[in-house]
Amino acid sequence: MAEDSLNSAPKAVVIGGSTGSIDVLLQVLPTLTPPLTYVCIIVLHRRNTADSTLAHLFSLKTTIPVREVDDKEPIQPGIIYLAPADYHVLIEHDRTFALDDSEKVHYSRPSIDVTFESAADVFGSSLVGILLSGANADGTAGLKAIKRRGGMLVIQQPETAQATMMPQQAILNTQVDYILDIKEIGTLLNNLNL
């Protein structure tokens, strides 16, 4: 199925979203079968607050460990990492995280494009990029970077998205591998778990 599009087993999955994407993840997370053989990094547009309520909420929905990214933290498979509010998350070549508070991209910090592009540089063809519901074009440039490096692109079916602009922009401007509904996204994530 989906894993056939990759040149190798995925080492990382990056998931980006905005308006409506929390609801998608609350449906997908309970369907995931642990342990994950890859790292999962989630970047969501969210309010600029320092609390970790969202990571806690996600952790209640899955037995897979969920935690917010810490600066200079080594990236480990089997963990779901969540970008903290008000920081861009970059992936360093030594496979650690770097947090950055530079200017917003697409009016957002964290920016999906920033994380997707840096993950593409590090993980190349062993990266899967998933873009969910959202109301701006953030994520499209990052998906293009993932595709250039041989990774796989998955987009939430716009008809199932609360905000359709983000998935529609990606479909119009990138070479998408899969357009999936919410249930199919969970199935794909489990199928990548080799």
C-alpha atoms as a PDB file:
ATOM      1  CA  MET A   1       0.000   0.000   0.000  1.00  0.00           C
ATOM      2  CA  ALA A   2       1.322   3.448   0.951  1.00  0.00           C
ATOM      3  CA  GLU A   3       4.768   2.333   2.049  1.00  0.00           C
ATOM      4  CA  ASP A   4       5.477   1.266  -1.540  1.00  0.00           C
ATOM      5  CA  SER A   5       5.831   4.971  -2.453  1.00  0.00           C
ATOM      6  CA  LEU A   6       8.879   5.324  -0.238  1.00  0.00           C
ATOM      7  CA  ASN A   7      12.370   4.237  -1.203  1.00  0.00           C
ATOM      8  CA  SER A   8      12.882   2.881   2.318  1.00  0.00           C
ATOM      9  CA  ALA A   9      10.961   2.410   5.556  1.00  0.00           C
ATOM     10  CA  PRO A  10      10.029   5.818   6.936  1.00  0.00           C
ATOM     11  CA  LYS A  11      12.223   7.216   9.671  1.00  0.00           C
ATOM     12  CA  ALA A  12       9.966  10.218  10.280  1.00  0.00           C
ATOM     13  CA  VAL A  13       6.434  11.453   9.734  1.00  0.00           C
ATOM     14  CA  VAL A  14       5.708  15.167   9.913  1.00  0.00           C
ATOM     15  CA  ILE A  15       2.100  16.261  10.311  1.00  0.00           C
ATOM     16  CA  GLY A  16       0.986  19.854   9.860  1.00  0.00           C
ATOM     17  CA  GLY A  17      -2.339  21.519  10.325  1.00  0.00           C
ATOM     18  CA  SER A  18      -4.312  24.502  11.480  1.00  0.00           C
ATOM     19  CA  THR A  19      -8.039  25.149  11.911  1.00  0.00           C
ATOM     20  CA  GLY A  20      -9.851  21.834  12.378  1.00  0.00           C
ATOM     21  CA  SER A  21      -6.730  19.678  12.585  1.00  0.00           C
ATOM     22  CA  ILE A  22      -6.853  19.084  16.343  1.00  0.00           C
ATOM     23  CA  ASP A  23     -10.182  17.308  15.849  1.00  0.00           C
ATOM     24  CA  VAL A  24      -8.605  15.147  13.132  1.00  0.00           C
ATOM     25  CA  LEU A  25      -5.730  14.153  15.399  1.00  0.00           C
ATOM     26  CA  LEU A  26      -8.088  13.358  18.276  1.00  0.00           C
ATOM     27  CA  GLN A  27      -9.696  10.815  15.928  1.00  0.00           C
ATOM     28  CA  VAL A  28      -6.433   9.462  14.465  1.00  0.00           C
ATOM     29  CA  LEU A  29      -4.306   9.086  17.620  1.00  0.00           C
ATOM     30  CA  PRO A  30      -6.503   6.443  19.300  1.00  0.00           C
ATOM     31  CA  THR A  31      -6.204   4.233  16.189  1.00  0.00           C
ATOM     32  CA  LEU A  32      -2.383   4.091  16.215  1.00  0.00           C
ATOM     33  CA  THR A  33      -0.798   0.784  17.176  1.00  0.00           C
ATOM     34  CA  PRO A  34       2.305   1.093  19.379  1.00  0.00           C
ATOM     35  CA  PRO A  35       5.198   0.996  19.272  1.00  0.00           C
ATOM     36  CA  LEU A  36       5.910   3.361  16.388  1.00  0.00           C
ATOM     37  CA  THR A  37       9.033   2.483  14.425  1.00  0.00           C
ATOM     38  CA  TYR A  38       9.361   6.085  13.230  1.00  0.00           C
ATOM     39  CA  VAL A  39       9.318   9.491  14.889  1.00  0.00           C
ATOM     40  CA  CYS A  40       6.137  11.548  14.486  1.00  0.00           C
ATOM     41  CA  ILE A  41       6.404  15.348  14.627  1.00  0.00           C
ATOM     42  CA  ILE A  42       3.211  17.412  14.764  1.00  0.00           C
ATOM     43  CA  VAL A  43       3.170  21.130  13.936  1.00  0.00           C
ATOM     44  CA  LEU A  44      -0.091  22.949  14.589  1.00  0.00           C
ATOM     45  CA  HIS A  45      -0.969  26.618  14.413  1.00  0.00           C
ATOM     46  CA  ARG A  46      -1.993  27.397  17.978  1.00  0.00           C
ATOM     47  CA  ARG A  47      -2.408  30.206  20.467  1.00  0.00           C
ATOM     48  CA  ASN A  48       0.731  31.788  21.896  1.00  0.00           C
ATOM     49  CA  THR A  49       0.500  30.236  25.347  1.00  0.00           C
ATOM     50  CA  ALA A  50       3.192  28.446  27.278  1.00  0.00           C
ATOM     51  CA  ASP A  51       0.979  25.690  28.693  1.00  0.00           C
ATOM     52  CA  SER A  52       1.247  22.100  27.534  1.00  0.00           C
ATOM     53  CA  THR A  53      -2.479  21.317  27.642  1.00  0.00           C
ATOM     54  CA  LEU A  54      -2.553  20.150  24.024  1.00  0.00           C
ATOM     55  CA  ALA A  55       0.256  17.624  24.524  1.00  0.00           C
ATOM     56  CA  HIS A  56      -1.570  16.342  27.610  1.00  0.00           C
ATOM     57  CA  LEU A  57      -4.841  16.092  25.686  1.00  0.00           C
ATOM     58  CA  PHE A  58      -3.140  14.113  22.901  1.00  0.00           C
ATOM     59  CA  SER A  59      -1.443  11.833  25.444  1.00  0.00           C
ATOM     60  CA  LEU A  60      -4.858  10.892  26.828  1.00  0.00           C
ATOM     61  CA  LYS A  61      -5.842   9.572  23.381  1.00  0.00           C
ATOM     62  CA  THR A  62      -2.922   7.187  22.777  1.00  0.00           C
ATOM     63  CA  THR A  63      -0.539   4.896  24.623  1.00  0.00           C
ATOM     64  CA  ILE A  64       2.307   6.191  22.444  1.00  0.00           C
ATOM     65  CA  PRO A  65       4.431   8.746  24.350  1.00  0.00           C
ATOM     66  CA  VAL A  66       3.508  12.351  23.460  1.00  0.00           C
ATOM     67  CA  ARG A  67       5.604  15.332  24.453  1.00  0.00           C
ATOM     68  CA  GLU A  68       6.366  18.895  23.462  1.00  0.00           C
ATOM     69  CA  VAL A  69       9.656  19.495  21.702  1.00  0.00           C
ATOM     70  CA  ASP A  70      12.550  20.786  23.835  1.00  0.00           C
ATOM     71  CA  ASP A  71      15.434  22.713  22.310  1.00  0.00           C
ATOM     72  CA  LYS A  72      18.464  20.510  21.506  1.00  0.00           C
ATOM     73  CA  GLU A  73      16.494  17.348  22.356  1.00  0.00           C
ATOM     74  CA  PRO A  74      17.636  14.234  20.452  1.00  0.00           C
ATOM     75  CA  ILE A  75      14.936  12.885  18.144  1.00  0.00           C
ATOM     76  CA  GLN A  76      13.846   9.356  19.050  1.00  0.00           C
ATOM     77  CA  PRO A  77      11.610   6.943  17.143  1.00  0.00           C
ATOM     78  CA  GLY A  78       8.462   5.780  18.871  1.00  0.00           C
ATOM     79  CA  ILE A  79       7.565   9.221  20.213  1.00  0.00           C
ATOM     80  CA  ILE A  80       4.990  11.756  19.045  1.00  0.00           C
ATOM     81  CA  TYR A  81       6.517  15.229  19.348  1.00  0.00           C
ATOM     82  CA  LEU A  82       4.396  18.372  19.361  1.00  0.00           C
ATOM     83  CA  ALA A  83       5.765  21.760  18.325  1.00  0.00           C
ATOM     84  CA  PRO A  84       5.439  24.201  21.253  1.00  0.00           C
ATOM     85  CA  ALA A  85       3.438  27.389  20.863  1.00  0.00           C
ATOM     86  CA  ASP A  86       5.256  30.440  19.480  1.00  0.00           C
ATOM     87  CA  TYR A  87       8.408  28.610  18.283  1.00  0.00           C
ATOM     88  CA  HIS A  88       9.457  27.330  14.894  1.00  0.00           C
ATOM     89  CA  VAL A  89      10.756  23.759  15.118  1.00  0.00           C
ATOM     90  CA  LEU A  90      13.773  22.856  13.010  1.00  0.00           C
ATOM     91  CA  ILE A  91      15.434  19.468  12.603  1.00  0.00           C
ATOM     92  CA  GLU A  92      19.227  19.613  12.823  1.00  0.00           C
ATOM     93  CA  HIS A  93      21.510  17.282  10.839  1.00  0.00           C
ATOM     94  CA  ASP A  94      22.594  15.585  14.072  1.00  0.00           C
ATOM     95  CA  ARG A  95      18.892  14.670  14.493  1.00  0.00           C
ATOM     96  CA  THR A  96      18.170  17.015  17.341  1.00  0.00           C
ATOM     97  CA  PHE A  97      15.476  19.669  17.547  1.00  0.00           C
ATOM     98  CA  ALA A  98      16.158  23.393  17.435  1.00  0.00           C
ATOM     99  CA  LEU A  99      13.572  25.937  18.572  1.00  0.00           C
ATOM    100  CA  ASP A 100      13.571  29.318  16.865  1.00  0.00           C
ATOM    101  CA  ASP A 101      11.552  32.448  17.626  1.00  0.00           C
ATOM    102  CA  SER A 102      12.314  34.329  14.404  1.00  0.00           C
ATOM    103  CA  GLU A 103       9.605  36.027  12.323  1.00  0.00           C
ATOM    104  CA  LYS A 104       6.320  34.298  11.664  1.00  0.00           C
ATOM    105  CA  VAL A 105       5.850  32.483   8.341  1.00  0.00           C
ATOM    106  CA  HIS A 106       2.329  32.618   6.883  1.00  0.00           C
ATOM    107  CA  TYR A 107       1.404  34.590  10.014  1.00  0.00           C
ATOM    108  CA  SER A 108       2.287  31.516  12.078  1.00  0.00           C
ATOM    109  CA  ARG A 109       4.904  30.427  14.586  1.00  0.00           C
ATOM    110  CA  PRO A 110       5.335  27.476  14.554  1.00  0.00           C
ATOM    111  CA  SER A 111       5.270  27.325  10.788  1.00  0.00           C
ATOM    112  CA  ILE A 112       4.570  24.037   9.053  1.00  0.00           C
ATOM    113  CA  ASP A 113       6.811  24.989   6.110  1.00  0.00           C
ATOM    114  CA  VAL A 114       9.813  25.609   8.391  1.00  0.00           C
ATOM    115  CA  THR A 115       9.588  22.170  10.012  1.00  0.00           C
ATOM    116  CA  PHE A 116       8.727  20.312   6.800  1.00  0.00           C
ATOM    117  CA  GLU A 117      11.654  21.895   4.912  1.00  0.00           C
ATOM    118  CA  SER A 118      14.229  21.166   7.609  1.00  0.00           C
ATOM    119  CA  ALA A 119      12.900  17.604   8.059  1.00  0.00           C
ATOM    120  CA  ALA A 120      13.198  17.055   4.294  1.00  0.00           C
ATOM    121  CA  ASP A 121      16.875  18.087   4.435  1.00  0.00           C
ATOM    122  CA  VAL A 122      17.590  15.600   7.223  1.00  0.00           C
ATOM    123  CA  PHE A 123      15.356  12.612   6.448  1.00  0.00           C
ATOM    124  CA  GLY A 124      15.162  12.841   2.637  1.00  0.00           C
ATOM    125  CA  SER A 125      13.350   9.919   1.021  1.00  0.00           C
ATOM    126  CA  SER A 126      12.536   8.319   4.381  1.00  0.00           C
ATOM    127  CA  LEU A 127      10.151  11.155   5.290  1.00  0.00           C
ATOM    128  CA  VAL A 128       6.350  11.240   5.044  1.00  0.00           C
ATOM    129  CA  GLY A 129       4.634  14.642   5.079  1.00  0.00           C
ATOM    130  CA  ILE A 130       0.951  14.824   6.023  1.00  0.00           C
ATOM    131  CA  LEU A 131      -1.055  18.039   5.703  1.00  0.00           C
ATOM    132  CA  LEU A 132      -4.402  18.395   7.449  1.00  0.00           C
ATOM    133  CA  SER A 133      -7.209  20.931   7.658  1.00  0.00           C
ATOM    134  CA  GLY A 134      -6.238  24.603   7.727  1.00  0.00           C
ATOM    135  CA  ALA A 135      -7.140  28.072   6.526  1.00  0.00           C
ATOM    136  CA  ASN A 136      -3.935  29.312   4.860  1.00  0.00           C
ATOM    137  CA  ALA A 137      -1.224  28.105   2.475  1.00  0.00           C
ATOM    138  CA  ASP A 138       1.341  27.094   5.123  1.00  0.00           C
ATOM    139  CA  GLY A 139       2.670  23.606   4.395  1.00  0.00           C
ATOM    140  CA  THR A 140       2.674  23.702   0.601  1.00  0.00           C
ATOM    141  CA  ALA A 141       6.285  24.882   0.224  1.00  0.00           C
ATOM    142  CA  GLY A 142       7.363  22.330   2.831  1.00  0.00           C
ATOM    143  CA  LEU A 143       5.601  19.538   0.980  1.00  0.00           C
ATOM    144  CA  LYS A 144       7.399  20.565  -2.224  1.00  0.00           C
ATOM    145  CA  ALA A 145      10.718  20.243  -0.353  1.00  0.00           C
ATOM    146  CA  ILE A 146       9.746  16.772   0.892  1.00  0.00           C
ATOM    147  CA  LYS A 147       8.797  15.671  -2.640  1.00  0.00           C
ATOM    148  CA  ARG A 148      12.086  17.041  -4.082  1.00  0.00           C
ATOM    149  CA  ARG A 149      13.974  14.836  -1.615  1.00  0.00           C
ATOM    150  CA  GLY A 150      11.950  11.735  -2.554  1.00  0.00           C
ATOM    151  CA  GLY A 151       9.561  11.677   0.400  1.00  0.00           C
ATOM    152  CA  MET A 152       5.867  10.831   0.339  1.00  0.00           C
ATOM    153  CA  LEU A 153       3.027  13.389   0.474  1.00  0.00           C
ATOM    154  CA  VAL A 154      -0.355  12.752   2.077  1.00  0.00           C
ATOM    155  CA  ILE A 155      -3.175  15.291   2.150  1.00  0.00           C
ATOM    156  CA  GLN A 156      -6.407  15.215   4.098  1.00  0.00           C
ATOM    157  CA  GLN A 157      -9.357  14.948   1.728  1.00  0.00           C
ATOM    158  CA  PRO A 158     -10.667  18.549   1.548  1.00  0.00           C
ATOM    159  CA  GLU A 159     -14.288  17.374   1.841  1.00  0.00           C
ATOM    160  CA  THR A 160     -13.465  16.017   5.329  1.00  0.00           C
ATOM    161  CA  ALA A 161     -11.602  19.172   6.440  1.00  0.00           C
ATOM    162  CA  GLN A 162     -13.140  21.878   8.602  1.00  0.00           C
ATOM    163  CA  ALA A 163     -10.998  24.419   6.720  1.00  0.00           C
ATOM    164  CA  THR A 164     -10.283  23.398   3.123  1.00  0.00           C
ATOM    165  CA  MET A 165      -7.726  25.999   1.985  1.00  0.00           C
ATOM    166  CA  MET A 166      -4.609  24.255   3.300  1.00  0.00           C
ATOM    167  CA  PRO A 167      -5.282  20.839   1.727  1.00  0.00           C
ATOM    168  CA  GLN A 168      -6.596  22.413  -1.492  1.00  0.00           C
ATOM    169  CA  GLN A 169      -3.471  24.581  -1.900  1.00  0.00           C
ATOM    170  CA  ALA A 170      -1.298  21.504  -1.447  1.00  0.00           C
ATOM    171  CA  ILE A 171      -3.288  19.474  -3.980  1.00  0.00           C
ATOM    172  CA  LEU A 172      -3.131  22.287  -6.556  1.00  0.00           C
ATOM    173  CA  ASN A 173       0.573  23.010  -6.103  1.00  0.00           C
ATOM    174  CA  THR A 174       2.321  19.732  -5.284  1.00  0.00           C
ATOM    175  CA  GLN A 175       2.587  16.205  -6.628  1.00  0.00           C
ATOM    176  CA  VAL A 176       0.514  14.456  -3.951  1.00  0.00           C
ATOM    177  CA  ASP A 177       0.809  10.702  -3.406  1.00  0.00           C
ATOM    178  CA  TYR A 178      -2.380  10.188  -1.386  1.00  0.00           C
ATOM    179  CA  ILE A 179      -5.533  12.177  -0.623  1.00  0.00           C
ATOM    180  CA  LEU A 180      -7.125  10.412   2.342  1.00  0.00           C
ATOM    181  CA  ASP A 181     -10.049  10.768   4.706  1.00  0.00           C
ATOM    182  CA  ILE A 182      -9.476  10.768   8.466  1.00  0.00           C
ATOM    183  CA  LYS A 183      -9.837   7.018   8.959  1.00  0.00           C
ATOM    184  CA  GLU A 184      -7.490   6.302   6.036  1.00  0.00           C
ATOM    185  CA  ILE A 185      -4.815   8.571   7.550  1.00  0.00           C
ATOM    186  CA  GLY A 186      -4.805   6.409  10.685  1.00  0.00           C
ATOM    187  CA  THR A 187      -4.586   3.260   8.571  1.00  0.00           C
ATOM    188  CA  LEU A 188      -1.669   4.680   6.597  1.00  0.00           C
ATOM    189  CA  LEU A 189       0.220   5.584   9.778  1.00  0.00           C
ATOM    190  CA  ASN A 190      -0.177   2.032  11.038  1.00  0.00           C
ATOM    191  CA  ASN A 191       0.868   0.580   7.682  1.00  0.00           C
ATOM    192  CA  LEU A 192       4.073   2.659   7.790  1.00  0.00           C
ATOM    193  CA  ASN A 193       4.911   1.077  11.135  1.00  0.00           C
ATOM    194  CA  LEU A 194       7.301  -1.559   9.765  1.00  0.00           C
END
